[in-house]
Amino acid sequence: MAPPQPQAKVFDSVRQDIHTLDSKISLIAQKLRTIEQNEEIIGRTIVAHNEKIKELDEMATGGGGGEREIAVGSANTADISALKKDIEDLRKDVSEMRYVLNSINPLEYATLDQVKDLLKEKKG
């Protein structure tokens, strides 16, 4: 009698291949679900952006409360110019701090622990 081992090995190999293929199919299905969810989110985002663009376009063409929009527009312009000035001041402060840090170069200094270790080495 011939031992049935070769058939068992082939059967196990086929079973492993089927299991691998099943796992790969499951991963592909999961990726497709994720892509579909992302498409839905992107679609909602596009719709929201289109609505905002329409509102801004209507405001730009003057469809509505004329004087009120001009007053709001000038207030927004003042706010924007104040914000730009603040940003410029912050940039100057950051560049000054960067210059000071670069001139001091704190990475060249030793920490207290490092000094203690060096003293222990010299004594020992």
PDB file of N, CA and C in Angstrom:
ATOM      1  N   MET A   1       0.822  -1.189   0.000  1.00  0.00           N
ATOM      2  CA  MET A   1       0.000   0.000   0.000  1.00  0.00           C
ATOM      3  C   MET A   1       0.860   1.244   0.000  1.00  0.00           C
ATOM      4  N   ALA A   2       0.475   2.207  -0.795  1.00  0.00           N
ATOM      5  CA  ALA A   2       1.209   3.475  -0.867  1.00  0.00           C
ATOM      6  C   ALA A   2       0.671   4.420   0.194  1.00  0.00           C
ATOM      7  N   PRO A   3       1.534   5.077   0.865  1.00  0.00           N
ATOM      8  CA  PRO A   3       1.079   5.995   1.908  1.00  0.00           C
ATOM      9  C   PRO A   3       0.333   7.189   1.297  1.00  0.00           C
ATOM     10  N   PRO A   4      -0.730   7.646   1.936  1.00  0.00           N
ATOM     11  CA  PRO A   4      -1.532   8.749   1.392  1.00  0.00           C
ATOM     12  C   PRO A   4      -0.948  10.128   1.696  1.00  0.00           C
ATOM     13  N   GLN A   5       0.293  10.167   2.092  1.00  0.00           N
ATOM     14  CA  GLN A   5       0.903  11.438   2.465  1.00  0.00           C
ATOM     15  C   GLN A   5       1.005  12.431   1.311  1.00  0.00           C
ATOM     16  N   PRO A   6       1.388  12.046   0.097  1.00  0.00           N
ATOM     17  CA  PRO A   6       1.487  13.036  -0.974  1.00  0.00           C
ATOM     18  C   PRO A   6       0.142  13.717  -1.243  1.00  0.00           C
ATOM     19  N   GLN A   7      -0.946  12.968  -1.203  1.00  0.00           N
ATOM     20  CA  GLN A   7      -2.260  13.575  -1.428  1.00  0.00           C
ATOM     21  C   GLN A   7      -2.610  14.532  -0.295  1.00  0.00           C
ATOM     22  N   ALA A   8      -2.246  14.172   0.934  1.00  0.00           N
ATOM     23  CA  ALA A   8      -2.531  15.033   2.085  1.00  0.00           C
ATOM     24  C   ALA A   8      -1.747  16.334   1.966  1.00  0.00           C
ATOM     25  N   LYS A   9      -0.507  16.248   1.507  1.00  0.00           N
ATOM     26  CA  LYS A   9       0.301  17.449   1.334  1.00  0.00           C
ATOM     27  C   LYS A   9      -0.298  18.354   0.266  1.00  0.00           C
ATOM     28  N   VAL A  10      -0.736  17.765  -0.828  1.00  0.00           N
ATOM     29  CA  VAL A  10      -1.353  18.542  -1.910  1.00  0.00           C
ATOM     30  C   VAL A  10      -2.635  19.180  -1.407  1.00  0.00           C
ATOM     31  N   PHE A  11      -3.426  18.402  -0.665  1.00  0.00           N
ATOM     32  CA  PHE A  11      -4.688  18.938  -0.132  1.00  0.00           C
ATOM     33  C   PHE A  11      -4.417  20.099   0.828  1.00  0.00           C
ATOM     34  N   ASP A  12      -3.415  19.943   1.706  1.00  0.00           N
ATOM     35  CA  ASP A  12      -3.066  21.023   2.640  1.00  0.00           C
ATOM     36  C   ASP A  12      -2.567  22.250   1.891  1.00  0.00           C
ATOM     37  N   SER A  13      -1.799  22.029   0.849  1.00  0.00           N
ATOM     38  CA  SER A  13      -1.286  23.146   0.053  1.00  0.00           C
ATOM     39  C   SER A  13      -2.433  23.896  -0.625  1.00  0.00           C
ATOM     40  N   VAL A  14      -3.379  23.169  -1.185  1.00  0.00           N
ATOM     41  CA  VAL A  14      -4.535  23.786  -1.831  1.00  0.00           C
ATOM     42  C   VAL A  14      -5.371  24.543  -0.801  1.00  0.00           C
ATOM     43  N   ARG A  15      -5.545  23.929   0.380  1.00  0.00           N
ATOM     44  CA  ARG A  15      -6.309  24.585   1.444  1.00  0.00           C
ATOM     45  C   ARG A  15      -5.638  25.906   1.851  1.00  0.00           C
ATOM     46  N   GLN A  16      -4.312  25.899   1.972  1.00  0.00           N
ATOM     47  CA  GLN A  16      -3.595  27.119   2.331  1.00  0.00           C
ATOM     48  C   GLN A  16      -3.738  28.185   1.241  1.00  0.00           C
ATOM     49  N   ASP A  17      -3.656  27.750  -0.030  1.00  0.00           N
ATOM     50  CA  ASP A  17      -3.816  28.692  -1.139  1.00  0.00           C
ATOM     51  C   ASP A  17      -5.210  29.309  -1.131  1.00  0.00           C
ATOM     52  N   ILE A  18      -6.223  28.493  -0.882  1.00  0.00           N
ATOM     53  CA  ILE A  18      -7.602  28.998  -0.836  1.00  0.00           C
ATOM     54  C   ILE A  18      -7.761  29.968   0.327  1.00  0.00           C
ATOM     55  N   HIS A  19      -7.179  29.652   1.465  1.00  0.00           N
ATOM     56  CA  HIS A  19      -7.258  30.535   2.630  1.00  0.00           C
ATOM     57  C   HIS A  19      -6.564  31.872   2.329  1.00  0.00           C
ATOM     58  N   THR A  20      -5.406  31.809   1.676  1.00  0.00           N
ATOM     59  CA  THR A  20      -4.685  33.029   1.303  1.00  0.00           C
ATOM     60  C   THR A  20      -5.508  33.876   0.348  1.00  0.00           C
ATOM     61  N   LEU A  21      -6.093  33.234  -0.653  1.00  0.00           N
ATOM     62  CA  LEU A  21      -6.923  33.964  -1.620  1.00  0.00           C
ATOM     63  C   LEU A  21      -8.139  34.583  -0.947  1.00  0.00           C
ATOM     64  N   ASP A  22      -8.740  33.844  -0.006  1.00  0.00           N
ATOM     65  CA  ASP A  22      -9.889  34.375   0.724  1.00  0.00           C
ATOM     66  C   ASP A  22      -9.501  35.608   1.524  1.00  0.00           C
ATOM     67  N   SER A  23      -8.329  35.572   2.152  1.00  0.00           N
ATOM     68  CA  SER A  23      -7.857  36.718   2.919  1.00  0.00           C
ATOM     69  C   SER A  23      -7.618  37.921   2.007  1.00  0.00           C
ATOM     70  N   LYS A  24      -7.019  37.680   0.851  1.00  0.00           N
ATOM     71  CA  LYS A  24      -6.756  38.765  -0.086  1.00  0.00           C
ATOM     72  C   LYS A  24      -8.053  39.363  -0.613  1.00  0.00           C
ATOM     73  N   ILE A  25      -9.043  38.527  -0.893  1.00  0.00           N
ATOM     74  CA  ILE A  25     -10.348  39.017  -1.359  1.00  0.00           C
ATOM     75  C   ILE A  25     -11.017  39.850  -0.279  1.00  0.00           C
ATOM     76  N   SER A  26     -10.899  39.421   0.971  1.00  0.00           N
ATOM     77  CA  SER A  26     -11.479  40.193   2.077  1.00  0.00           C
ATOM     78  C   SER A  26     -10.819  41.562   2.187  1.00  0.00           C
ATOM     79  N   LEU A  27      -9.493  41.619   2.033  1.00  0.00           N
ATOM     80  CA  LEU A  27      -8.786  42.889   2.092  1.00  0.00           C
ATOM     81  C   LEU A  27      -9.214  43.813   0.957  1.00  0.00           C
ATOM     82  N   ILE A  28      -9.360  43.251  -0.237  1.00  0.00           N
ATOM     83  CA  ILE A  28      -9.788  44.053  -1.383  1.00  0.00           C
ATOM     84  C   ILE A  28     -11.194  44.594  -1.161  1.00  0.00           C
ATOM     85  N   ALA A  29     -12.081  43.772  -0.620  1.00  0.00           N
ATOM     86  CA  ALA A  29     -13.446  44.221  -0.334  1.00  0.00           C
ATOM     87  C   ALA A  29     -13.445  45.334   0.699  1.00  0.00           C
ATOM     88  N   GLN A  30     -12.606  45.203   1.703  1.00  0.00           N
ATOM     89  CA  GLN A  30     -12.512  46.244   2.727  1.00  0.00           C
ATOM     90  C   GLN A  30     -11.994  47.544   2.120  1.00  0.00           C
ATOM     91  N   LYS A  31     -10.989  47.466   1.257  1.00  0.00           N
ATOM     92  CA  LYS A  31     -10.464  48.668   0.599  1.00  0.00           C
ATOM     93  C   LYS A  31     -11.531  49.319  -0.272  1.00  0.00           C
ATOM     94  N   LEU A  32     -12.326  48.510  -0.969  1.00  0.00           N
ATOM     95  CA  LEU A  32     -13.402  49.064  -1.800  1.00  0.00           C
ATOM     96  C   LEU A  32     -14.432  49.790  -0.946  1.00  0.00           C
ATOM     97  N   ARG A  33     -14.783  49.225   0.227  1.00  0.00           N
ATOM     98  CA  ARG A  33     -15.723  49.910   1.124  1.00  0.00           C
ATOM     99  C   ARG A  33     -15.156  51.239   1.597  1.00  0.00           C
ATOM    100  N   THR A  34     -13.866  51.243   1.906  1.00  0.00           N
ATOM    101  CA  THR A  34     -13.222  52.485   2.341  1.00  0.00           C
ATOM    102  C   THR A  34     -13.241  53.519   1.223  1.00  0.00           C
ATOM    103  N   ILE A  35     -12.961  53.095   0.002  1.00  0.00           N
ATOM    104  CA  ILE A  35     -12.983  54.009  -1.141  1.00  0.00           C
ATOM    105  C   ILE A  35     -14.386  54.564  -1.346  1.00  0.00           C
ATOM    106  N   GLU A  36     -15.403  53.734  -1.225  1.00  0.00           N
ATOM    107  CA  GLU A  36     -16.778  54.205  -1.384  1.00  0.00           C
ATOM    108  C   GLU A  36     -17.137  55.228  -0.316  1.00  0.00           C
ATOM    109  N   GLN A  37     -16.703  54.980   0.931  1.00  0.00           N
ATOM    110  CA  GLN A  37     -16.965  55.944   2.006  1.00  0.00           C
ATOM    111  C   GLN A  37     -16.248  57.263   1.731  1.00  0.00           C
ATOM    112  N   ASN A  38     -15.014  57.187   1.257  1.00  0.00           N
ATOM    113  CA  ASN A  38     -14.263  58.399   0.930  1.00  0.00           C
ATOM    114  C   ASN A  38     -14.927  59.169  -0.199  1.00  0.00           C
ATOM    115  N   GLU A  39     -15.427  58.454  -1.211  1.00  0.00           N
ATOM    116  CA  GLU A  39     -16.131  59.116  -2.317  1.00  0.00           C
ATOM    117  C   GLU A  39     -17.367  59.851  -1.809  1.00  0.00           C
ATOM    118  N   GLU A  40     -18.087  59.236  -0.883  1.00  0.00           N
ATOM    119  CA  GLU A  40     -19.280  59.868  -0.329  1.00  0.00           C
ATOM    120  C   GLU A  40     -18.907  61.143   0.427  1.00  0.00           C
ATOM    121  N   ILE A  41     -17.861  61.078   1.218  1.00  0.00           N
ATOM    122  CA  ILE A  41     -17.410  62.251   1.967  1.00  0.00           C
ATOM    123  C   ILE A  41     -16.948  63.348   1.019  1.00  0.00           C
ATOM    124  N   ILE A  42     -16.203  62.977  -0.007  1.00  0.00           N
ATOM    125  CA  ILE A  42     -15.732  63.954  -0.985  1.00  0.00           C
ATOM    126  C   ILE A  42     -16.920  64.608  -1.687  1.00  0.00           C
ATOM    127  N   GLY A  43     -17.928  63.817  -2.012  1.00  0.00           N
ATOM    128  CA  GLY A  43     -19.120  64.370  -2.661  1.00  0.00           C
ATOM    129  C   GLY A  43     -19.810  65.393  -1.779  1.00  0.00           C
ATOM    130  N   ARG A  44     -19.953  65.084  -0.489  1.00  0.00           N
ATOM    131  CA  ARG A  44     -20.574  66.039   0.434  1.00  0.00           C
ATOM    132  C   ARG A  44     -19.743  67.314   0.535  1.00  0.00           C
ATOM    133  N   THR A  45     -18.428  67.143   0.584  1.00  0.00           N
ATOM    134  CA  THR A  45     -17.542  68.302   0.687  1.00  0.00           C
ATOM    135  C   THR A  45     -17.663  69.184  -0.550  1.00  0.00           C
ATOM    136  N   ILE A  46     -17.721  68.575  -1.716  1.00  0.00           N
ATOM    137  CA  ILE A  46     -17.850  69.343  -2.959  1.00  0.00           C
ATOM    138  C   ILE A  46     -19.155  70.120  -2.962  1.00  0.00           C
ATOM    139  N   VAL A  47     -20.238  69.487  -2.524  1.00  0.00           N
ATOM    140  CA  VAL A  47     -21.527  70.173  -2.479  1.00  0.00           C
ATOM    141  C   VAL A  47     -21.454  71.368  -1.532  1.00  0.00           C
ATOM    142  N   ALA A  48     -20.845  71.181  -0.370  1.00  0.00           N
ATOM    143  CA  ALA A  48     -20.732  72.273   0.600  1.00  0.00           C
ATOM    144  C   ALA A  48     -19.889  73.412   0.036  1.00  0.00           C
ATOM    145  N   HIS A  49     -18.802  73.073  -0.634  1.00  0.00           N
ATOM    146  CA  HIS A  49     -17.956  74.114  -1.225  1.00  0.00           C
ATOM    147  C   HIS A  49     -18.681  74.845  -2.346  1.00  0.00           C
ATOM    148  N   ASN A  50     -19.440  74.124  -3.135  1.00  0.00           N
ATOM    149  CA  ASN A  50     -20.204  74.777  -4.197  1.00  0.00           C
ATOM    150  C   ASN A  50     -21.208  75.769  -3.626  1.00  0.00           C
ATOM    151  N   GLU A  51     -21.864  75.395  -2.525  1.00  0.00           N
ATOM    152  CA  GLU A  51     -22.816  76.308  -1.899  1.00  0.00           C
ATOM    153  C   GLU A  51     -22.108  77.561  -1.393  1.00  0.00           C
ATOM    154  N   LYS A  52     -20.947  77.395  -0.780  1.00  0.00           N
ATOM    155  CA  LYS A  52     -20.193  78.552  -0.293  1.00  0.00           C
ATOM    156  C   LYS A  52     -19.748  79.438  -1.452  1.00  0.00           C
ATOM    157  N   ILE A  53     -19.321  78.820  -2.546  1.00  0.00           N
ATOM    158  CA  ILE A  53     -18.894  79.591  -3.718  1.00  0.00           C
ATOM    159  C   ILE A  53     -20.068  80.392  -4.272  1.00  0.00           C
ATOM    160  N   LYS A  54     -21.243  79.784  -4.329  1.00  0.00           N
ATOM    161  CA  LYS A  54     -22.424  80.501  -4.817  1.00  0.00           C
ATOM    162  C   LYS A  54     -22.741  81.683  -3.914  1.00  0.00           C
ATOM    163  N   GLU A  55     -22.654  81.483  -2.581  1.00  0.00           N
ATOM    164  CA  GLU A  55     -22.917  82.580  -1.656  1.00  0.00           C
ATOM    165  C   GLU A  55     -21.916  83.709  -1.854  1.00  0.00           C
ATOM    166  N   LEU A  56     -20.642  83.370  -1.981  1.00  0.00           N
ATOM    167  CA  LEU A  56     -19.623  84.392  -2.180  1.00  0.00           C
ATOM    168  C   LEU A  56     -19.805  85.104  -3.515  1.00  0.00           C
ATOM    169  N   ASP A  57     -20.190  84.358  -4.529  1.00  0.00           N
ATOM    170  CA  ASP A  57     -20.420  84.950  -5.845  1.00  0.00           C
ATOM    171  C   ASP A  57     -21.591  85.927  -5.794  1.00  0.00           C
ATOM    172  N   GLU A  58     -22.661  85.545  -5.073  1.00  0.00           N
ATOM    173  CA  GLU A  58     -23.803  86.432  -4.937  1.00  0.00           C
ATOM    174  C   GLU A  58     -23.422  87.691  -4.173  1.00  0.00           C
ATOM    175  N   MET A  59     -22.589  87.535  -3.134  1.00  0.00           N
ATOM    176  CA  MET A  59     -22.145  88.706  -2.383  1.00  0.00           C
ATOM    177  C   MET A  59     -21.275  89.608  -3.248  1.00  0.00           C
ATOM    178  N   ALA A  60     -20.448  89.017  -4.087  1.00  0.00           N
ATOM    179  CA  ALA A  60     -19.542  89.802  -4.930  1.00  0.00           C
ATOM    180  C   ALA A  60     -20.288  90.548  -6.021  1.00  0.00           C
ATOM    181  N   THR A  61     -21.355  89.947  -6.531  1.00  0.00           N
ATOM    182  CA  THR A  61     -22.107  90.607  -7.599  1.00  0.00           C
ATOM    183  C   THR A  61     -23.093  91.627  -7.057  1.00  0.00           C
ATOM    184  N   GLY A  62     -23.228  91.695  -5.720  1.00  0.00           N
ATOM    185  CA  GLY A  62     -24.093  92.723  -5.136  1.00  0.00           C
ATOM    186  C   GLY A  62     -25.536  92.307  -5.016  1.00  0.00           C
ATOM    187  N   GLY A  63     -25.801  91.049  -4.871  1.00  0.00           N
ATOM    188  CA  GLY A  63     -27.183  90.608  -4.741  1.00  0.00           C
ATOM    189  C   GLY A  63     -27.634  90.661  -3.300  1.00  0.00           C
ATOM    190  N   GLY A  64     -28.157  91.812  -2.855  1.00  0.00           N
ATOM    191  CA  GLY A  64     -28.650  91.840  -1.490  1.00  0.00           C
ATOM    192  C   GLY A  64     -28.570  93.196  -0.859  1.00  0.00           C
ATOM    193  N   GLY A  65     -28.025  93.264   0.348  1.00  0.00           N
ATOM    194  CA  GLY A  65     -28.104  94.447   1.181  1.00  0.00           C
ATOM    195  C   GLY A  65     -26.994  95.433   0.998  1.00  0.00           C
ATOM    196  N   GLY A  66     -26.676  95.876  -0.140  1.00  0.00           N
ATOM    197  CA  GLY A  66     -25.680  96.853  -0.550  1.00  0.00           C
ATOM    198  C   GLY A  66     -24.878  97.548   0.527  1.00  0.00           C
ATOM    199  N   GLU A  67     -25.469  98.511   1.266  1.00  0.00           N
ATOM    200  CA  GLU A  67     -24.725  99.311   2.237  1.00  0.00           C
ATOM    201  C   GLU A  67     -24.197  98.452   3.378  1.00  0.00           C
ATOM    202  N   ARG A  68     -25.001  97.518   3.789  1.00  0.00           N
ATOM    203  CA  ARG A  68     -24.573  96.634   4.886  1.00  0.00           C
ATOM    204  C   ARG A  68     -23.353  95.814   4.463  1.00  0.00           C
ATOM    205  N   GLU A  69     -23.360  95.304   3.235  1.00  0.00           N
ATOM    206  CA  GLU A  69     -22.230  94.518   2.744  1.00  0.00           C
ATOM    207  C   GLU A  69     -20.974  95.365   2.645  1.00  0.00           C
ATOM    208  N   ILE A  70     -21.118  96.628   2.239  1.00  0.00           N
ATOM    209  CA  ILE A  70     -19.959  97.508   2.137  1.00  0.00           C
ATOM    210  C   ILE A  70     -19.369  97.750   3.525  1.00  0.00           C
ATOM    211  N   ALA A  71     -20.236  97.989   4.517  1.00  0.00           N
ATOM    212  CA  ALA A  71     -19.770  98.216   5.882  1.00  0.00           C
ATOM    213  C   ALA A  71     -19.064  96.972   6.421  1.00  0.00           C
ATOM    214  N   VAL A  72     -19.659  95.811   6.193  1.00  0.00           N
ATOM    215  CA  VAL A  72     -19.044  94.563   6.647  1.00  0.00           C
ATOM    216  C   VAL A  72     -17.728  94.344   5.917  1.00  0.00           C
ATOM    217  N   GLY A  73     -17.692  94.628   4.617  1.00  0.00           N
ATOM    218  CA  GLY A  73     -16.472  94.469   3.830  1.00  0.00           C
ATOM    219  C   GLY A  73     -15.354  95.347   4.331  1.00  0.00           C
ATOM    220  N   SER A  74     -15.646  96.605   4.672  1.00  0.00           N
ATOM    221  CA  SER A  74     -14.596  97.494   5.171  1.00  0.00           C
ATOM    222  C   SER A  74     -14.125  97.051   6.545  1.00  0.00           C
ATOM    223  N   ALA A  75     -15.055  96.543   7.381  1.00  0.00           N
ATOM    224  CA  ALA A  75     -14.664  96.034   8.693  1.00  0.00           C
ATOM    225  C   ALA A  75     -13.764  94.812   8.530  1.00  0.00           C
ATOM    226  N   ASN A  76     -14.112  93.957   7.590  1.00  0.00           N
ATOM    227  CA  ASN A  76     -13.279  92.776   7.332  1.00  0.00           C
ATOM    228  C   ASN A  76     -11.907  93.179   6.822  1.00  0.00           C
ATOM    229  N   THR A  77     -11.846  94.188   5.986  1.00  0.00           N
ATOM    230  CA  THR A  77     -10.565  94.661   5.460  1.00  0.00           C
ATOM    231  C   THR A  77      -9.692  95.181   6.586  1.00  0.00           C
ATOM    232  N   ALA A  78     -10.302  95.930   7.525  1.00  0.00           N
ATOM    233  CA  ALA A  78      -9.540  96.435   8.669  1.00  0.00           C
ATOM    234  C   ALA A  78      -9.039  95.277   9.531  1.00  0.00           C
ATOM    235  N   ASP A  79      -9.893  94.299   9.759  1.00  0.00           N
ATOM    236  CA  ASP A  79      -9.486  93.134  10.547  1.00  0.00           C
ATOM    237  C   ASP A  79      -8.353  92.386   9.869  1.00  0.00           C
ATOM    238  N   ILE A  80      -8.461  92.223   8.577  1.00  0.00           N
ATOM    239  CA  ILE A  80      -7.435  91.498   7.830  1.00  0.00           C
ATOM    240  C   ILE A  80      -6.105  92.242   7.882  1.00  0.00           C
ATOM    241  N   SER A  81      -6.148  93.565   7.717  1.00  0.00           N
ATOM    242  CA  SER A  81      -4.893  94.323   7.759  1.00  0.00           C
ATOM    243  C   SER A  81      -4.281  94.266   9.162  1.00  0.00           C
ATOM    244  N   ALA A  82      -5.119  94.290  10.217  1.00  0.00           N
ATOM    245  CA  ALA A  82      -4.606  94.170  11.585  1.00  0.00           C
ATOM    246  C   ALA A  82      -3.974  92.792  11.795  1.00  0.00           C
ATOM    247  N   LEU A  83      -4.620  91.753  11.271  1.00  0.00           N
ATOM    248  CA  LEU A  83      -4.064  90.400  11.392  1.00  0.00           C
ATOM    249  C   LEU A  83      -2.741  90.275  10.639  1.00  0.00           C
ATOM    250  N   LYS A  84      -2.659  90.877   9.468  1.00  0.00           N
ATOM    251  CA  LYS A  84      -1.411  90.830   8.707  1.00  0.00           C
ATOM    252  C   LYS A  84      -0.294  91.509   9.470  1.00  0.00           C
ATOM    253  N   LYS A  85      -0.601  92.647  10.123  1.00  0.00           N
ATOM    254  CA  LYS A  85       0.401  93.360  10.915  1.00  0.00           C
ATOM    255  C   LYS A  85       0.844  92.492  12.093  1.00  0.00           C
ATOM    256  N   ASP A  86      -0.113  91.836  12.762  1.00  0.00           N
ATOM    257  CA  ASP A  86       0.229  90.956  13.879  1.00  0.00           C
ATOM    258  C   ASP A  86       1.121  89.807  13.432  1.00  0.00           C
ATOM    259  N   ILE A  87       0.808  89.243  12.291  1.00  0.00           N
ATOM    260  CA  ILE A  87       1.612  88.137  11.759  1.00  0.00           C
ATOM    261  C   ILE A  87       3.027  88.611  11.457  1.00  0.00           C
ATOM    262  N   GLU A  88       3.146  89.793  10.869  1.00  0.00           N
ATOM    263  CA  GLU A  88       4.475  90.332  10.562  1.00  0.00           C
ATOM    264  C   GLU A  88       5.271  90.569  11.845  1.00  0.00           C
ATOM    265  N   ASP A  89       4.606  91.091  12.893  1.00  0.00           N
ATOM    266  CA  ASP A  89       5.279  91.302  14.176  1.00  0.00           C
ATOM    267  C   ASP A  89       5.745  89.970  14.769  1.00  0.00           C
ATOM    268  N   LEU A  90       4.894  88.957  14.676  1.00  0.00           N
ATOM    269  CA  LEU A  90       5.272  87.636  15.184  1.00  0.00           C
ATOM    270  C   LEU A  90       6.460  87.065  14.417  1.00  0.00           C
ATOM    271  N   ARG A  91       6.471  87.266  13.115  1.00  0.00           N
ATOM    272  CA  ARG A  91       7.603  86.782  12.306  1.00  0.00           C
ATOM    273  C   ARG A  91       8.898  87.444  12.750  1.00  0.00           C
ATOM    274  N   LYS A  92       8.838  88.759  13.015  1.00  0.00           N
ATOM    275  CA  LYS A  92      10.033  89.462  13.483  1.00  0.00           C
ATOM    276  C   LYS A  92      10.492  88.917  14.825  1.00  0.00           C
ATOM    277  N   ASP A  93       9.538  88.690  15.749  1.00  0.00           N
ATOM    278  CA  ASP A  93       9.891  88.148  17.058  1.00  0.00           C
ATOM    279  C   ASP A  93      10.531  86.774  16.937  1.00  0.00           C
ATOM    280  N   VAL A  94       9.955  85.939  16.088  1.00  0.00           N
ATOM    281  CA  VAL A  94      10.493  84.584  15.897  1.00  0.00           C
ATOM    282  C   VAL A  94      11.891  84.646  15.296  1.00  0.00           C
ATOM    283  N   SER A  95      12.103  85.524  14.336  1.00  0.00           N
ATOM    284  CA  SER A  95      13.438  85.618  13.737  1.00  0.00           C
ATOM    285  C   SER A  95      14.461  86.128  14.747  1.00  0.00           C
ATOM    286  N   GLU A  96      14.063  87.061  15.635  1.00  0.00           N
ATOM    287  CA  GLU A  96      14.971  87.516  16.682  1.00  0.00           C
ATOM    288  C   GLU A  96      15.309  86.380  17.644  1.00  0.00           C
ATOM    289  N   MET A  97      14.284  85.602  18.046  1.00  0.00           N
ATOM    290  CA  MET A  97      14.534  84.473  18.951  1.00  0.00           C
ATOM    291  C   MET A  97      15.431  83.439  18.287  1.00  0.00           C
ATOM    292  N   ARG A  98      15.215  83.197  17.004  1.00  0.00           N
ATOM    293  CA  ARG A  98      16.043  82.238  16.274  1.00  0.00           C
ATOM    294  C   ARG A  98      17.497  82.703  16.261  1.00  0.00           C
ATOM    295  N   TYR A  99      17.706  84.011  16.037  1.00  0.00           N
ATOM    296  CA  TYR A  99      19.059  84.564  16.013  1.00  0.00           C
ATOM    297  C   TYR A  99      19.731  84.377  17.368  1.00  0.00           C
ATOM    298  N   VAL A 100      19.011  84.688  18.462  1.00  0.00           N
ATOM    299  CA  VAL A 100      19.574  84.549  19.800  1.00  0.00           C
ATOM    300  C   VAL A 100      19.922  83.093  20.078  1.00  0.00           C
ATOM    301  N   LEU A 101      19.005  82.177  19.761  1.00  0.00           N
ATOM    302  CA  LEU A 101      19.271  80.759  20.002  1.00  0.00           C
ATOM    303  C   LEU A 101      20.451  80.256  19.177  1.00  0.00           C
ATOM    304  N   ASN A 102      20.543  80.697  17.950  1.00  0.00           N
ATOM    305  CA  ASN A 102      21.656  80.261  17.111  1.00  0.00           C
ATOM    306  C   ASN A 102      22.978  80.822  17.614  1.00  0.00           C
ATOM    307  N   SER A 103      22.962  82.038  18.154  1.00  0.00           N
ATOM    308  CA  SER A 103      24.215  82.608  18.651  1.00  0.00           C
ATOM    309  C   SER A 103      24.635  81.947  19.958  1.00  0.00           C
ATOM    310  N   ILE A 104      23.658  81.551  20.789  1.00  0.00           N
ATOM    311  CA  ILE A 104      23.988  80.878  22.052  1.00  0.00           C
ATOM    312  C   ILE A 104      24.357  79.427  21.793  1.00  0.00           C
ATOM    313  N   ASN A 105      23.641  78.790  20.893  1.00  0.00           N
ATOM    314  CA  ASN A 105      23.823  77.380  20.547  1.00  0.00           C
ATOM    315  C   ASN A 105      23.807  76.498  21.791  1.00  0.00           C
ATOM    316  N   PRO A 106      22.631  76.277  22.374  1.00  0.00           N
ATOM    317  CA  PRO A 106      22.527  75.517  23.615  1.00  0.00           C
ATOM    318  C   PRO A 106      22.987  74.068  23.496  1.00  0.00           C
ATOM    319  N   LEU A 107      23.138  73.566  22.298  1.00  0.00           N
ATOM    320  CA  LEU A 107      23.579  72.180  22.139  1.00  0.00           C
ATOM    321  C   LEU A 107      25.047  72.002  22.500  1.00  0.00           C
ATOM    322  N   GLU A 108      25.799  73.110  22.596  1.00  0.00           N
ATOM    323  CA  GLU A 108      27.200  73.002  22.953  1.00  0.00           C
ATOM    324  C   GLU A 108      27.402  72.906  24.461  1.00  0.00           C
ATOM    325  N   TYR A 109      26.392  73.208  25.245  1.00  0.00           N
ATOM    326  CA  TYR A 109      26.517  73.183  26.690  1.00  0.00           C
ATOM    327  C   TYR A 109      26.262  71.772  27.222  1.00  0.00           C
ATOM    328  N   ALA A 110      26.881  71.482  28.364  1.00  0.00           N
ATOM    329  CA  ALA A 110      26.715  70.176  28.994  1.00  0.00           C
ATOM    330  C   ALA A 110      25.593  70.259  30.026  1.00  0.00           C
ATOM    331  N   THR A 111      24.894  69.157  30.195  1.00  0.00           N
ATOM    332  CA  THR A 111      23.861  69.109  31.216  1.00  0.00           C
ATOM    333  C   THR A 111      24.504  68.801  32.570  1.00  0.00           C
ATOM    334  N   LEU A 112      23.750  69.007  33.630  1.00  0.00           N
ATOM    335  CA  LEU A 112      24.248  68.755  34.980  1.00  0.00           C
ATOM    336  C   LEU A 112      24.628  67.287  35.153  1.00  0.00           C
ATOM    337  N   ASP A 113      23.819  66.402  34.609  1.00  0.00           N
ATOM    338  CA  ASP A 113      24.110  64.967  34.698  1.00  0.00           C
ATOM    339  C   ASP A 113      25.411  64.618  33.975  1.00  0.00           C
ATOM    340  N   GLN A 114      25.630  65.241  32.832  1.00  0.00           N
ATOM    341  CA  GLN A 114      26.859  64.970  32.088  1.00  0.00           C
ATOM    342  C   GLN A 114      28.077  65.435  32.868  1.00  0.00           C
ATOM    343  N   VAL A 115      27.979  66.591  33.520  1.00  0.00           N
ATOM    344  CA  VAL A 115      29.101  67.098  34.316  1.00  0.00           C
ATOM    345  C   VAL A 115      29.379  66.167  35.491  1.00  0.00           C
ATOM    346  N   LYS A 116      28.317  65.705  36.157  1.00  0.00           N
ATOM    347  CA  LYS A 116      28.496  64.776  37.277  1.00  0.00           C
ATOM    348  C   LYS A 116      29.182  63.496  36.810  1.00  0.00           C
ATOM    349  N   ASP A 117      28.768  62.982  35.663  1.00  0.00           N
ATOM    350  CA  ASP A 117      29.388  61.767  35.131  1.00  0.00           C
ATOM    351  C   ASP A 117      30.858  61.984  34.815  1.00  0.00           C
ATOM    352  N   LEU A 118      31.193  63.148  34.258  1.00  0.00           N
ATOM    353  CA  LEU A 118      32.598  63.439  33.938  1.00  0.00           C
ATOM    354  C   LEU A 118      33.429  63.537  35.214  1.00  0.00           C
ATOM    355  N   LEU A 119      32.864  64.149  36.262  1.00  0.00           N
ATOM    356  CA  LEU A 119      33.594  64.247  37.533  1.00  0.00           C
ATOM    357  C   LEU A 119      33.814  62.873  38.145  1.00  0.00           C
ATOM    358  N   LYS A 120      32.802  62.003  38.065  1.00  0.00           N
ATOM    359  CA  LYS A 120      32.952  60.654  38.590  1.00  0.00           C
ATOM    360  C   LYS A 120      34.052  59.903  37.829  1.00  0.00           C
ATOM    361  N   GLU A 121      34.107  60.093  36.512  1.00  0.00           N
ATOM    362  CA  GLU A 121      35.132  59.426  35.705  1.00  0.00           C
ATOM    363  C   GLU A 121      36.517  59.916  36.091  1.00  0.00           C
ATOM    364  N   LYS A 122      36.657  61.214  36.341  1.00  0.00           N
ATOM    365  CA  LYS A 122      37.969  61.765  36.684  1.00  0.00           C
ATOM    366  C   LYS A 122      38.437  61.273  38.062  1.00  0.00           C
ATOM    367  N   LYS A 123      37.491  61.163  39.002  1.00  0.00           N
ATOM    368  CA  LYS A 123      37.838  60.667  40.344  1.00  0.00           C
ATOM    369  C   LYS A 123      38.172  59.183  40.315  1.00  0.00           C
ATOM    370  N   GLY A 124      37.407  58.457  39.516  1.00  0.00           N
ATOM    371  CA  GLY A 124      37.547  57.013  39.487  1.00  0.00           C
ATOM    372  C   GLY A 124      38.713  56.616  38.673  1.00  0.00           C
TER     373      GLY A 124
END
